[in-house]
C-alpha cells in the first residue's frame, strides 16, 4: 500500500479545516429587516478572512460578500451584515454594511451560503 501524494493530503486537510470552521458558524436571515447574522457557536475564534457569503433572492443573480482578510469571528460572538440605510456599522457590535445587499420581503426565498 502506498500513501497518496502530498498535494492531495494537503488539499484534504484544507477541506476538512474549512468544513469544521463553517460547521461552528450559524447563518440567520431576518425575514423583514434586511440583515444577515453570522454567529460563532464554538468556544474558539473562527477566521472569516477571505471567506465569501453568497446570497440569492428568489431567482435573481447571486451576490457575494468577501470578508476582509483579517476578519475573525470571536468565540460566542456574531457579526451582522445590513442593507445600506438600515444600520450604522459599529465595531463594538460587529455590524457591517453590505452595499450590494438588496431588499427582500416576507415570503421571498433567500438562499445564503458561507464558503
Protein backbone atom coordinates (compact mmCIF):
# COMPACT_ATOMS: atom_id res chain seq x y z
CA UNK A 1 0.00 0.00 0.00
CA UNK A 2 1.33 3.39 -0.92
CA UNK A 3 0.30 6.67 0.58
CA UNK A 4 -1.31 9.31 -1.65
CA UNK A 5 0.86 12.15 -2.94
CA UNK A 6 1.40 15.05 -0.58
CA UNK A 7 -0.65 17.66 -2.52
CA UNK A 8 -3.79 15.52 -2.17
CA UNK A 9 -3.21 15.16 1.57
CA UNK A 10 -2.80 18.93 1.92
CA UNK A 11 -5.95 19.53 -0.10
CA UNK A 12 -7.94 17.10 2.07
CA UNK A 13 -6.69 18.74 5.27
CA UNK A 14 -7.61 22.17 3.95
CA UNK A 15 -11.10 21.00 3.02
CA UNK A 16 -11.58 19.43 6.44
CA UNK A 17 -10.47 22.62 8.21
CA UNK A 18 -12.89 24.62 6.09
CA UNK A 19 -15.83 22.34 6.90
CA UNK A 20 -15.02 22.43 10.62
CA UNK A 21 -14.92 26.23 10.64
CA UNK A 22 -18.20 26.54 8.76
CA UNK A 23 -19.95 23.96 10.93
CA UNK A 24 -19.44 26.16 14.00
CA UNK A 25 -20.98 29.25 12.35
CA UNK A 26 -24.74 29.63 12.04
CA UNK A 27 -26.28 31.96 9.48
CA UNK A 28 -29.59 33.71 10.21
CA UNK A 29 -31.55 35.74 7.65
CA UNK A 30 -34.10 38.11 9.21
CA UNK A 31 -37.31 37.86 7.17
CA UNK A 32 -38.26 41.58 7.31
CA UNK A 33 -35.34 43.72 8.50
CA UNK A 34 -32.86 43.15 5.66
CA UNK A 35 -29.96 41.74 7.61
CA UNK A 36 -27.94 38.55 7.78
CA UNK A 37 -26.30 37.49 11.03
CA UNK A 38 -23.41 35.03 11.41
CA UNK A 39 -22.88 33.59 14.89
CA UNK A 40 -19.87 31.65 16.15
CA UNK A 41 -21.28 28.85 18.33
CA UNK A 42 -17.89 27.45 19.27
CA UNK A 43 -15.55 28.32 22.12
CA UNK A 44 -12.76 29.30 19.69
CA UNK A 45 -12.30 32.30 17.41
CA UNK A 46 -13.03 31.44 13.76
CA UNK A 47 -11.33 33.11 10.79
CA UNK A 48 -13.69 34.70 8.27
CA UNK A 49 -10.95 36.40 6.27
CA UNK A 50 -11.43 35.96 2.52
CA UNK A 51 -14.46 33.72 3.06
CA UNK A 52 -17.42 34.50 0.87
CA UNK A 53 -21.05 34.94 1.82
CA UNK A 54 -23.30 34.31 -1.19
CA UNK A 55 -26.91 35.46 -1.29
CA UNK A 56 -29.60 34.76 -3.86
CA UNK A 57 -33.08 36.27 -3.53
CA UNK A 58 -35.70 34.26 -5.41
CA UNK A 59 -34.26 33.71 -8.91
CA UNK A 60 -32.05 36.82 -9.03
CA UNK A 61 -28.36 36.72 -9.83
CA UNK A 62 -26.43 35.73 -6.65
CA UNK A 63 -24.28 38.40 -4.99
CA UNK A 64 -21.12 37.78 -2.99
CA UNK A 65 -19.61 39.48 0.07
CA UNK A 66 -15.93 38.73 0.69
CA UNK A 67 -14.76 39.30 4.25
CA UNK A 68 -11.68 41.41 4.95
CA UNK A 69 -8.54 39.20 5.13
CA UNK A 70 -8.03 39.96 8.85
CA UNK A 71 -11.67 39.31 9.88
CA UNK A 72 -12.19 36.87 12.76
CA UNK A 73 -15.43 35.94 14.45
CA UNK A 74 -14.70 35.69 18.16
CA UNK A 75 -15.99 32.75 20.17
CA UNK A 76 -19.66 33.20 21.10
CA UNK A 77 -19.96 36.46 19.12
CA UNK A 78 -21.79 37.42 15.96
CA UNK A 79 -21.42 39.75 13.00
CA UNK A 80 -24.41 41.34 11.25
CA UNK A 81 -24.42 42.44 7.62
CA UNK A 82 -27.01 45.17 6.97
CA UNK A 83 -28.50 46.59 3.81
CA UNK A 84 -27.42 50.23 3.24
CA UNK A 85 -29.57 52.72 5.13
CA UNK A 86 -30.79 50.27 7.76
CA UNK A 87 -27.94 50.33 10.29
CA UNK A 88 -24.74 52.13 11.06
CA UNK A 89 -21.69 49.92 11.33
CA UNK A 90 -20.24 49.74 14.78
CA UNK A 91 -17.01 47.89 15.53
CA UNK A 92 -18.26 47.25 19.06
CA UNK A 93 -21.36 45.35 17.92
CA UNK A 94 -19.96 43.57 14.88
CA UNK A 95 -22.17 45.42 12.38
CA UNK A 96 -21.17 45.79 8.74
CA UNK A 97 -22.97 47.43 5.82
CA UNK A 98 -23.11 45.38 2.62
CA UNK A 99 -23.54 47.95 -0.14
CA UNK A 100 -24.81 45.40 -2.71
CA UNK A 101 -27.35 43.71 -0.44
CA UNK A 102 -30.82 44.06 -1.97
CA UNK A 103 -34.11 44.12 -0.04
CA UNK A 104 -36.41 41.14 0.23
CA UNK A 105 -39.92 40.77 1.52
CA UNK A 106 -41.67 38.22 3.66
CA UNK A 107 -42.24 35.13 1.56
CA UNK A 108 -39.21 35.67 -0.69
CA UNK A 109 -36.79 32.77 -0.93
CA UNK A 110 -33.44 33.99 0.38
CA UNK A 111 -30.64 31.45 -0.06
CA UNK A 112 -27.40 32.10 1.81
CA UNK A 113 -24.17 30.13 1.85
CA UNK A 114 -20.86 30.77 3.57
CA UNK A 115 -17.87 29.35 1.71
